Amino acid sequence: MNKQENEVRKIFIKIRMNEDELKRVKKRKEQTTERSLSEYMRNVSMQKPVTVKYRNQSADDFLKDMLALKKELNAIGNNFNQAVHKLHLLDKIPEFRIWISHYDGLQKSLVSKVEEIKLKVSQLYEQWLQK
């Protein structure tokens, strides 16, 4: 698709800034949905609306904590799985058979809940990324 003649941008405008000013402009641009610095500068100079991204810091902090919790729960579940697996090797000893049967159900319940939490945190993370 060819751009119409009036849409083709052939004219360059140069402006001078110091390092601090450039950093501030780039920081403001990063807070918007504009793809390029040129597009941002063009919209600002033409007084066109610029969409600013809004992030809820408390939600970001919560999500960060939940992702850390997800990692910890995953590690706990893995350690528990390994322990129960080792106990299965000892099931020839009668005292361990009762203990194994009791904790085998607990292990399955724990793994199920850990997977459920991981799924919910992942869904929340994906949902938050889209906003």
N, C-alpha and C. Protein backbone atom coordinates (compact mmCIF):
# COMPACT_ATOMS: atom_id res chain seq x y z
N MET A 1 0.85 -1.15 0.00
CA MET A 1 0.00 0.00 0.00
C MET A 1 0.90 1.23 0.00
N ASN A 2 0.71 2.09 -0.95
CA ASN A 2 1.49 3.32 -1.04
C ASN A 2 0.88 4.41 -0.20
N LYS A 3 1.74 5.18 0.43
CA LYS A 3 1.25 6.34 1.18
C LYS A 3 0.86 7.43 0.20
N GLN A 4 -0.15 8.15 0.56
CA GLN A 4 -0.51 9.28 -0.28
C GLN A 4 0.61 10.31 -0.17
N GLU A 5 0.68 11.18 -1.15
CA GLU A 5 1.77 12.15 -1.23
C GLU A 5 1.86 13.03 0.02
N ASN A 6 0.72 13.43 0.58
CA ASN A 6 0.76 14.30 1.76
C ASN A 6 1.12 13.53 3.04
N GLU A 7 1.10 12.20 3.01
CA GLU A 7 1.47 11.41 4.18
C GLU A 7 2.97 11.12 4.23
N VAL A 8 3.65 11.24 3.13
CA VAL A 8 5.09 10.97 3.09
C VAL A 8 5.80 12.11 3.80
N ARG A 9 6.62 11.76 4.75
CA ARG A 9 7.33 12.78 5.54
C ARG A 9 8.74 12.93 4.98
N LYS A 10 8.96 14.04 4.33
CA LYS A 10 10.24 14.30 3.69
C LYS A 10 11.04 15.38 4.40
N ILE A 11 10.40 16.11 5.27
CA ILE A 11 11.05 17.26 5.90
C ILE A 11 11.58 16.87 7.28
N PHE A 12 12.84 17.19 7.52
CA PHE A 12 13.47 16.93 8.81
C PHE A 12 13.54 18.23 9.60
N ILE A 13 13.23 18.15 10.87
CA ILE A 13 13.37 19.28 11.77
C ILE A 13 14.36 18.87 12.85
N LYS A 14 15.39 19.67 13.04
CA LYS A 14 16.38 19.37 14.06
C LYS A 14 16.20 20.31 15.23
N ILE A 15 16.30 19.76 16.43
CA ILE A 15 16.28 20.59 17.62
C ILE A 15 17.48 20.20 18.48
N ARG A 16 17.93 21.13 19.26
CA ARG A 16 19.08 20.86 20.13
C ARG A 16 18.59 20.73 21.56
N MET A 17 19.15 19.75 22.24
CA MET A 17 18.83 19.51 23.65
C MET A 17 20.11 19.13 24.37
N ASN A 18 20.10 19.35 25.67
CA ASN A 18 21.22 18.82 26.43
C ASN A 18 20.85 17.40 26.88
N GLU A 19 21.78 16.72 27.51
CA GLU A 19 21.55 15.31 27.89
C GLU A 19 20.36 15.16 28.85
N ASP A 20 20.24 16.06 29.79
CA ASP A 20 19.16 15.99 30.76
C ASP A 20 17.79 16.15 30.09
N GLU A 21 17.69 17.10 29.18
CA GLU A 21 16.43 17.31 28.47
C GLU A 21 16.06 16.09 27.64
N LEU A 22 17.04 15.52 26.96
CA LEU A 22 16.79 14.33 26.14
C LEU A 22 16.33 13.16 27.00
N LYS A 23 16.96 12.98 28.15
CA LYS A 23 16.54 11.90 29.06
C LYS A 23 15.11 12.09 29.51
N ARG A 24 14.75 13.34 29.84
CA ARG A 24 13.39 13.62 30.29
C ARG A 24 12.38 13.36 29.18
N VAL A 25 12.70 13.75 27.96
CA VAL A 25 11.79 13.53 26.82
C VAL A 25 11.64 12.03 26.58
N LYS A 26 12.75 11.29 26.60
CA LYS A 26 12.68 9.85 26.38
C LYS A 26 11.91 9.15 27.49
N LYS A 27 12.08 9.62 28.72
CA LYS A 27 11.35 9.04 29.84
C LYS A 27 9.85 9.26 29.67
N ARG A 28 9.46 10.46 29.27
CA ARG A 28 8.04 10.73 29.02
C ARG A 28 7.51 9.90 27.87
N LYS A 29 8.30 9.74 26.84
CA LYS A 29 7.88 8.93 25.69
C LYS A 29 7.65 7.48 26.11
N GLU A 30 8.52 6.95 27.00
CA GLU A 30 8.39 5.57 27.46
C GLU A 30 7.11 5.35 28.27
N GLN A 31 6.56 6.40 28.81
CA GLN A 31 5.33 6.29 29.59
C GLN A 31 4.09 6.34 28.70
N THR A 32 4.29 6.41 27.39
CA THR A 32 3.18 6.46 26.45
C THR A 32 3.14 5.20 25.61
N THR A 33 2.15 5.14 24.74
CA THR A 33 2.03 4.00 23.83
C THR A 33 2.68 4.28 22.48
N GLU A 34 3.31 5.45 22.34
CA GLU A 34 3.95 5.80 21.07
C GLU A 34 5.12 4.86 20.80
N ARG A 35 5.28 4.49 19.54
CA ARG A 35 6.30 3.51 19.19
C ARG A 35 7.68 4.12 19.01
N SER A 36 7.73 5.34 18.56
CA SER A 36 9.03 5.95 18.30
C SER A 36 9.08 7.35 18.90
N LEU A 37 10.29 7.83 19.09
CA LEU A 37 10.49 9.17 19.61
C LEU A 37 9.96 10.20 18.61
N SER A 38 10.16 9.93 17.33
CA SER A 38 9.66 10.84 16.29
C SER A 38 8.14 10.97 16.35
N GLU A 39 7.48 9.84 16.47
CA GLU A 39 6.02 9.84 16.54
C GLU A 39 5.55 10.60 17.78
N TYR A 40 6.21 10.37 18.90
CA TYR A 40 5.86 11.06 20.13
C TYR A 40 6.05 12.57 19.98
N MET A 41 7.22 12.99 19.48
CA MET A 41 7.51 14.42 19.32
C MET A 41 6.54 15.07 18.34
N ARG A 42 6.21 14.36 17.28
CA ARG A 42 5.27 14.89 16.28
C ARG A 42 3.90 15.12 16.91
N ASN A 43 3.42 14.15 17.67
CA ASN A 43 2.10 14.28 18.30
C ASN A 43 2.08 15.39 19.35
N VAL A 44 3.13 15.49 20.13
CA VAL A 44 3.18 16.54 21.15
C VAL A 44 3.24 17.91 20.49
N SER A 45 4.09 18.05 19.48
CA SER A 45 4.23 19.36 18.84
C SER A 45 2.97 19.78 18.08
N MET A 46 2.21 18.82 17.60
CA MET A 46 0.97 19.12 16.88
C MET A 46 -0.23 19.16 17.83
N GLN A 47 0.04 19.02 19.13
CA GLN A 47 -0.99 19.02 20.17
C GLN A 47 -2.04 17.94 19.96
N LYS A 48 -1.60 16.82 19.43
CA LYS A 48 -2.48 15.67 19.29
C LYS A 48 -2.46 14.88 20.60
N PRO A 49 -3.52 14.14 20.86
CA PRO A 49 -3.53 13.38 22.11
C PRO A 49 -2.46 12.28 22.12
N VAL A 50 -1.86 12.10 23.29
CA VAL A 50 -0.87 11.05 23.48
C VAL A 50 -1.38 10.16 24.60
N THR A 51 -1.48 8.87 24.34
CA THR A 51 -2.00 7.94 25.34
C THR A 51 -0.88 7.58 26.32
N VAL A 52 -1.12 7.88 27.57
CA VAL A 52 -0.14 7.60 28.61
C VAL A 52 -0.51 6.30 29.29
N LYS A 53 0.48 5.43 29.45
CA LYS A 53 0.26 4.17 30.14
C LYS A 53 0.13 4.45 31.63
N TYR A 54 -0.78 3.74 32.26
CA TYR A 54 -0.97 3.89 33.70
C TYR A 54 -0.68 2.56 34.35
N ARG A 55 0.20 2.57 35.35
CA ARG A 55 0.53 1.35 36.07
C ARG A 55 0.18 1.55 37.54
N ASN A 56 -0.47 0.59 38.09
CA ASN A 56 -0.82 0.61 39.50
C ASN A 56 0.34 -0.04 40.26
N GLN A 57 1.10 0.77 41.00
CA GLN A 57 2.29 0.26 41.68
C GLN A 57 1.96 -0.81 42.71
N SER A 58 0.84 -0.65 43.42
CA SER A 58 0.48 -1.66 44.43
C SER A 58 0.16 -3.00 43.76
N ALA A 59 -0.49 -2.95 42.61
CA ALA A 59 -0.78 -4.20 41.87
C ALA A 59 0.52 -4.80 41.34
N ASP A 60 1.44 -3.97 40.88
CA ASP A 60 2.75 -4.48 40.43
C ASP A 60 3.49 -5.16 41.57
N ASP A 61 3.47 -4.53 42.75
CA ASP A 61 4.13 -5.12 43.91
C ASP A 61 3.49 -6.44 44.31
N PHE A 62 2.15 -6.47 44.29
CA PHE A 62 1.42 -7.70 44.62
C PHE A 62 1.80 -8.81 43.64
N LEU A 63 1.83 -8.47 42.36
CA LEU A 63 2.14 -9.47 41.35
C LEU A 63 3.57 -9.99 41.52
N LYS A 64 4.49 -9.09 41.84
CA LYS A 64 5.88 -9.50 42.08
C LYS A 64 5.95 -10.48 43.25
N ASP A 65 5.23 -10.17 44.33
CA ASP A 65 5.20 -11.06 45.49
C ASP A 65 4.58 -12.41 45.15
N MET A 66 3.51 -12.40 44.35
CA MET A 66 2.85 -13.65 43.98
C MET A 66 3.75 -14.51 43.09
N LEU A 67 4.50 -13.89 42.20
CA LEU A 67 5.41 -14.65 41.35
C LEU A 67 6.52 -15.29 42.19
N ALA A 68 7.00 -14.56 43.21
CA ALA A 68 8.00 -15.13 44.12
C ALA A 68 7.40 -16.30 44.90
N LEU A 69 6.16 -16.12 45.37
CA LEU A 69 5.47 -17.19 46.08
C LEU A 69 5.28 -18.41 45.19
N LYS A 70 4.96 -18.19 43.94
CA LYS A 70 4.79 -19.29 42.99
C LYS A 70 6.08 -20.09 42.88
N LYS A 71 7.22 -19.42 42.82
CA LYS A 71 8.51 -20.12 42.74
C LYS A 71 8.76 -20.94 44.00
N GLU A 72 8.47 -20.33 45.16
CA GLU A 72 8.69 -21.03 46.43
C GLU A 72 7.78 -22.26 46.54
N LEU A 73 6.51 -22.10 46.17
CA LEU A 73 5.59 -23.24 46.22
C LEU A 73 6.03 -24.35 45.28
N ASN A 74 6.54 -23.98 44.14
CA ASN A 74 7.03 -24.97 43.19
C ASN A 74 8.20 -25.75 43.80
N ALA A 75 9.10 -25.04 44.45
CA ALA A 75 10.26 -25.69 45.08
C ALA A 75 9.81 -26.61 46.22
N ILE A 76 8.85 -26.15 47.03
CA ILE A 76 8.34 -26.97 48.13
C ILE A 76 7.67 -28.23 47.59
N GLY A 77 6.87 -28.07 46.55
CA GLY A 77 6.21 -29.22 45.93
C GLY A 77 7.21 -30.22 45.37
N ASN A 78 8.27 -29.72 44.74
CA ASN A 78 9.31 -30.61 44.21
C ASN A 78 10.02 -31.37 45.33
N ASN A 79 10.35 -30.65 46.42
CA ASN A 79 11.01 -31.31 47.55
C ASN A 79 10.11 -32.37 48.17
N PHE A 80 8.83 -32.06 48.30
CA PHE A 80 7.88 -33.01 48.86
C PHE A 80 7.76 -34.24 47.97
N ASN A 81 7.70 -34.03 46.67
CA ASN A 81 7.64 -35.15 45.72
C ASN A 81 8.86 -36.05 45.86
N GLN A 82 10.03 -35.45 45.98
CA GLN A 82 11.26 -36.23 46.12
C GLN A 82 11.25 -37.04 47.42
N ALA A 83 10.78 -36.42 48.50
CA ALA A 83 10.73 -37.12 49.79
C ALA A 83 9.78 -38.31 49.73
N VAL A 84 8.60 -38.12 49.17
CA VAL A 84 7.63 -39.22 49.06
C VAL A 84 8.17 -40.31 48.14
N HIS A 85 8.85 -39.93 47.09
CA HIS A 85 9.43 -40.93 46.18
C HIS A 85 10.47 -41.78 46.92
N LYS A 86 11.29 -41.14 47.75
CA LYS A 86 12.29 -41.90 48.52
C LYS A 86 11.62 -42.83 49.52
N LEU A 87 10.52 -42.36 50.12
CA LEU A 87 9.79 -43.21 51.06
C LEU A 87 9.19 -44.43 50.37
N HIS A 88 8.81 -44.28 49.12
CA HIS A 88 8.26 -45.42 48.38
C HIS A 88 9.31 -46.52 48.23
N LEU A 89 10.56 -46.14 48.23
CA LEU A 89 11.63 -47.13 48.15
C LEU A 89 11.71 -47.94 49.45
N LEU A 90 11.20 -47.39 50.55
CA LEU A 90 11.25 -48.04 51.86
C LEU A 90 9.94 -48.76 52.21
N ASP A 91 9.07 -48.95 51.22
CA ASP A 91 7.74 -49.50 51.56
C ASP A 91 7.76 -50.96 51.96
N LYS A 92 8.92 -51.58 51.94
CA LYS A 92 9.02 -52.98 52.40
C LYS A 92 9.00 -53.03 53.93
N ILE A 93 9.31 -51.93 54.59
CA ILE A 93 9.28 -51.87 56.06
C ILE A 93 7.84 -51.55 56.47
N PRO A 94 7.21 -52.39 57.30
CA PRO A 94 5.78 -52.24 57.62
C PRO A 94 5.40 -50.87 58.19
N GLU A 95 6.24 -50.28 59.06
CA GLU A 95 5.88 -48.99 59.67
C GLU A 95 5.78 -47.90 58.60
N PHE A 96 6.59 -48.02 57.59
CA PHE A 96 6.59 -46.99 56.55
C PHE A 96 5.41 -47.12 55.60
N ARG A 97 4.86 -48.33 55.46
CA ARG A 97 3.72 -48.52 54.55
C ARG A 97 2.54 -47.65 54.98
N ILE A 98 2.24 -47.63 56.27
CA ILE A 98 1.11 -46.84 56.77
C ILE A 98 1.40 -45.35 56.55
N TRP A 99 2.62 -44.96 56.89
CA TRP A 99 3.00 -43.56 56.75
C TRP A 99 2.95 -43.14 55.28
N ILE A 100 3.43 -44.00 54.40
CA ILE A 100 3.44 -43.70 52.97
C ILE A 100 2.03 -43.56 52.43
N SER A 101 1.15 -44.45 52.80
CA SER A 101 -0.22 -44.37 52.28
C SER A 101 -0.90 -43.10 52.78
N HIS A 102 -0.62 -42.71 54.01
CA HIS A 102 -1.21 -41.48 54.55
C HIS A 102 -0.67 -40.25 53.83
N TYR A 103 0.63 -40.17 53.65
CA TYR A 103 1.23 -38.97 53.07
C TYR A 103 1.20 -38.95 51.54
N ASP A 104 0.90 -40.09 50.93
CA ASP A 104 0.76 -40.11 49.48
C ASP A 104 -0.45 -39.26 49.07
N GLY A 105 -1.55 -39.40 49.80
CA GLY A 105 -2.74 -38.58 49.53
C GLY A 105 -2.48 -37.11 49.82
N LEU A 106 -1.74 -36.84 50.88
CA LEU A 106 -1.39 -35.46 51.24
C LEU A 106 -0.51 -34.85 50.15
N GLN A 107 0.40 -35.64 49.64
CA GLN A 107 1.30 -35.17 48.57
C GLN A 107 0.51 -34.82 47.32
N LYS A 108 -0.43 -35.65 46.95
CA LYS A 108 -1.26 -35.38 45.77
C LYS A 108 -2.09 -34.12 45.97
N SER A 109 -2.62 -33.94 47.17
CA SER A 109 -3.41 -32.75 47.48
C SER A 109 -2.53 -31.50 47.41
N LEU A 110 -1.34 -31.57 47.98
CA LEU A 110 -0.43 -30.44 47.96
C LEU A 110 -0.04 -30.08 46.53
N VAL A 111 0.32 -31.07 45.75
CA VAL A 111 0.71 -30.82 44.36
C VAL A 111 -0.45 -30.21 43.58
N SER A 112 -1.65 -30.71 43.83
CA SER A 112 -2.83 -30.17 43.15
C SER A 112 -3.04 -28.70 43.49
N LYS A 113 -2.93 -28.36 44.78
CA LYS A 113 -3.11 -26.96 45.20
C LYS A 113 -2.00 -26.07 44.68
N VAL A 114 -0.77 -26.56 44.68
CA VAL A 114 0.35 -25.78 44.14
C VAL A 114 0.12 -25.50 42.66
N GLU A 115 -0.32 -26.50 41.92
CA GLU A 115 -0.60 -26.30 40.49
C GLU A 115 -1.73 -25.30 40.29
N GLU A 116 -2.74 -25.37 41.14
CA GLU A 116 -3.87 -24.43 41.04
C GLU A 116 -3.39 -22.99 41.30
N ILE A 117 -2.56 -22.82 42.32
CA ILE A 117 -2.02 -21.49 42.63
C ILE A 117 -1.14 -21.00 41.49
N LYS A 118 -0.30 -21.87 40.97
CA LYS A 118 0.57 -21.48 39.86
C LYS A 118 -0.26 -21.04 38.65
N LEU A 119 -1.33 -21.76 38.37
CA LEU A 119 -2.21 -21.42 37.25
C LEU A 119 -2.86 -20.06 37.47
N LYS A 120 -3.38 -19.82 38.67
CA LYS A 120 -4.04 -18.54 38.97
C LYS A 120 -3.05 -17.38 38.88
N VAL A 121 -1.84 -17.55 39.40
CA VAL A 121 -0.83 -16.50 39.34
C VAL A 121 -0.44 -16.24 37.89
N SER A 122 -0.29 -17.29 37.11
CA SER A 122 0.05 -17.13 35.70
C SER A 122 -1.05 -16.40 34.95
N GLN A 123 -2.31 -16.74 35.23
CA GLN A 123 -3.43 -16.05 34.59
C GLN A 123 -3.46 -14.58 34.97
N LEU A 124 -3.23 -14.29 36.24
CA LEU A 124 -3.20 -12.90 36.70
C LEU A 124 -2.07 -12.14 36.03
N TYR A 125 -0.92 -12.78 35.92
CA TYR A 125 0.24 -12.16 35.28
C TYR A 125 -0.05 -11.86 33.81
N GLU A 126 -0.60 -12.81 33.09
CA GLU A 126 -0.93 -12.61 31.68
C GLU A 126 -1.99 -11.51 31.52
N GLN A 127 -2.97 -11.51 32.39
CA GLN A 127 -4.03 -10.51 32.33
C GLN A 127 -3.44 -9.13 32.60
N TRP A 128 -2.53 -9.02 33.55
CA TRP A 128 -1.94 -7.73 33.90
C TRP A 128 -1.04 -7.22 32.76
N LEU A 129 -0.35 -8.13 32.09
CA LEU A 129 0.53 -7.72 30.99
C LEU A 129 -0.27 -7.11 29.83
N GLN A 130 -1.49 -7.54 29.64
CA GLN A 130 -2.29 -7.04 28.54
C GLN A 130 -2.82 -5.64 28.79
N LYS A 131 -2.84 -5.19 30.03
CA LYS A 131 -3.38 -3.86 30.35
C LYS A 131 -2.39 -2.78 30.09
